[in-house]
């Protein structure tokens, strides 16, 4: 099964990114494939400049998912609005438009939206 995740909230304001990461880790262990589209404030999670200090490191967890084959795409327009530059992305994060979201929805067996 191919699972798509749409994340629309910032990584540390809500638990949505933590839930998505946990669900993807469990799905990958069961042999499923996953991908994630970061939209609205979710694009903040694509930045390698996040320094959580003693808090959990969402960038490290996302990097581990990317290394396991999870495709992560960040909305380019949303990045522009929030000042998230492509040069600051974590390794493996791609930037695209809403057509990439449409492709993810079309290719996924299930889509889980975590946001507002």
Protein backbone atom coordinates (compact mmCIF):
# COMPACT_ATOMS: atom_id res chain seq x y z
CA UNK A 1 0.00 0.00 0.00
CA UNK A 2 1.21 3.51 -0.81
CA UNK A 3 0.36 6.14 1.82
CA UNK A 4 0.43 9.87 1.20
CA UNK A 5 0.72 12.38 4.02
CA UNK A 6 -0.30 16.03 3.70
CA UNK A 7 1.10 18.17 6.54
CA UNK A 8 -0.15 21.76 6.86
CA UNK A 9 1.03 22.83 10.31
CA UNK A 10 4.43 23.90 11.61
CA UNK A 11 6.58 21.13 13.08
CA UNK A 12 6.77 22.26 16.71
CA UNK A 13 3.50 24.13 17.21
CA UNK A 14 1.35 21.03 16.82
CA UNK A 15 1.96 17.27 17.12
CA UNK A 16 0.95 16.61 13.51
CA UNK A 17 4.49 16.09 12.22
CA UNK A 18 5.28 13.75 15.12
CA UNK A 19 2.16 11.69 14.35
CA UNK A 20 3.00 11.57 10.64
CA UNK A 21 6.55 10.44 11.34
CA UNK A 22 5.34 7.73 13.71
CA UNK A 23 2.73 6.48 11.24
CA UNK A 24 5.24 6.43 8.39
CA UNK A 25 7.81 4.55 10.48
CA UNK A 26 5.18 1.92 11.35
CA UNK A 27 3.99 1.67 7.74
CA UNK A 28 7.54 1.26 6.43
CA UNK A 29 8.16 -1.53 8.95
CA UNK A 30 5.11 -3.33 7.53
CA UNK A 31 6.48 -3.02 3.98
CA UNK A 32 4.32 -0.13 2.77
CA UNK A 33 5.63 2.92 0.92
CA UNK A 34 5.03 6.51 1.99
CA UNK A 35 5.47 10.05 0.81
CA UNK A 36 4.84 13.45 2.35
CA UNK A 37 3.75 16.79 0.94
CA UNK A 38 4.46 19.83 3.12
CA UNK A 39 1.96 22.63 2.60
CA UNK A 40 1.17 25.96 4.29
CA UNK A 41 3.16 26.15 7.57
CA UNK A 42 4.20 22.52 7.11
CA UNK A 43 6.97 23.72 4.78
CA UNK A 44 8.91 24.97 7.80
CA UNK A 45 9.78 21.33 8.52
CA UNK A 46 11.77 21.16 5.27
CA UNK A 47 14.43 23.51 6.66
CA UNK A 48 17.76 22.10 7.79
CA UNK A 49 18.17 25.23 9.94
CA UNK A 50 15.78 24.03 12.66
CA UNK A 51 17.78 23.71 15.89
CA UNK A 52 15.52 22.10 18.51
CA UNK A 53 18.14 22.03 21.29
CA UNK A 54 17.07 19.49 23.92
CA UNK A 55 13.69 18.91 22.26
CA UNK A 56 13.05 16.06 19.83
CA UNK A 57 14.72 16.58 16.46
CA UNK A 58 12.12 16.48 13.73
CA UNK A 59 14.79 17.24 11.09
CA UNK A 60 16.76 14.12 12.10
CA UNK A 61 13.61 11.99 12.09
CA UNK A 62 12.63 13.32 8.66
CA UNK A 63 16.13 12.66 7.32
CA UNK A 64 15.89 9.06 8.53
CA UNK A 65 12.59 8.67 6.63
CA UNK A 66 14.11 10.15 3.47
CA UNK A 67 16.98 7.67 3.75
CA UNK A 68 14.38 4.87 3.92
CA UNK A 69 12.89 6.04 0.62
CA UNK A 70 10.13 8.42 1.71
CA UNK A 71 9.65 11.17 -0.87
CA UNK A 72 9.26 14.57 0.79
CA UNK A 73 8.01 17.50 -1.28
CA UNK A 74 7.61 21.06 -0.05
CA UNK A 75 5.22 23.53 -1.71
CA UNK A 76 7.30 26.21 -3.47
CA UNK A 77 4.72 29.00 -3.13
CA UNK A 78 4.29 28.29 0.58
CA UNK A 79 8.09 28.34 1.01
CA UNK A 80 8.28 31.75 -0.68
CA UNK A 81 5.59 33.17 1.60
CA UNK A 82 7.40 31.89 4.70
CA UNK A 83 10.96 32.69 3.66
CA UNK A 84 12.05 29.05 3.52
CA UNK A 85 14.75 28.90 0.86
CA UNK A 86 15.41 25.81 -1.25
CA UNK A 87 19.13 26.16 -0.45
CA UNK A 88 18.28 25.59 3.23
CA UNK A 89 16.30 22.38 2.66
CA UNK A 90 17.28 19.14 4.29
CA UNK A 91 19.00 16.72 1.93
CA UNK A 92 16.47 14.92 -0.22
CA UNK A 93 13.56 17.35 0.17
CA UNK A 94 12.19 18.49 -3.19
CA UNK A 95 10.32 21.68 -4.00
CA UNK A 96 7.28 21.61 -6.30
CA UNK A 97 3.85 23.08 -6.87
CA UNK A 98 0.36 21.81 -6.25
CA UNK A 99 0.58 19.50 -9.25
CA UNK A 100 2.92 17.37 -7.12
CA UNK A 101 0.24 17.23 -4.42
CA UNK A 102 -2.28 16.12 -7.03
CA UNK A 103 0.11 13.43 -8.24
CA UNK A 104 0.63 12.20 -4.66
CA UNK A 105 -3.12 12.02 -4.07
CA UNK A 106 -3.66 10.21 -7.37
CA UNK A 107 -0.88 7.67 -6.75
CA UNK A 108 -1.65 6.98 -3.09
CA UNK A 109 -3.96 4.24 -1.88
CA UNK A 110 -4.77 6.39 1.15
CA UNK A 111 -4.02 10.03 1.98
CA UNK A 112 -3.77 11.21 5.56
CA UNK A 113 -4.08 14.94 6.15
CA UNK A 114 -2.72 16.35 9.38
CA UNK A 115 -3.48 20.03 9.76
CA UNK A 116 -6.20 22.53 10.44
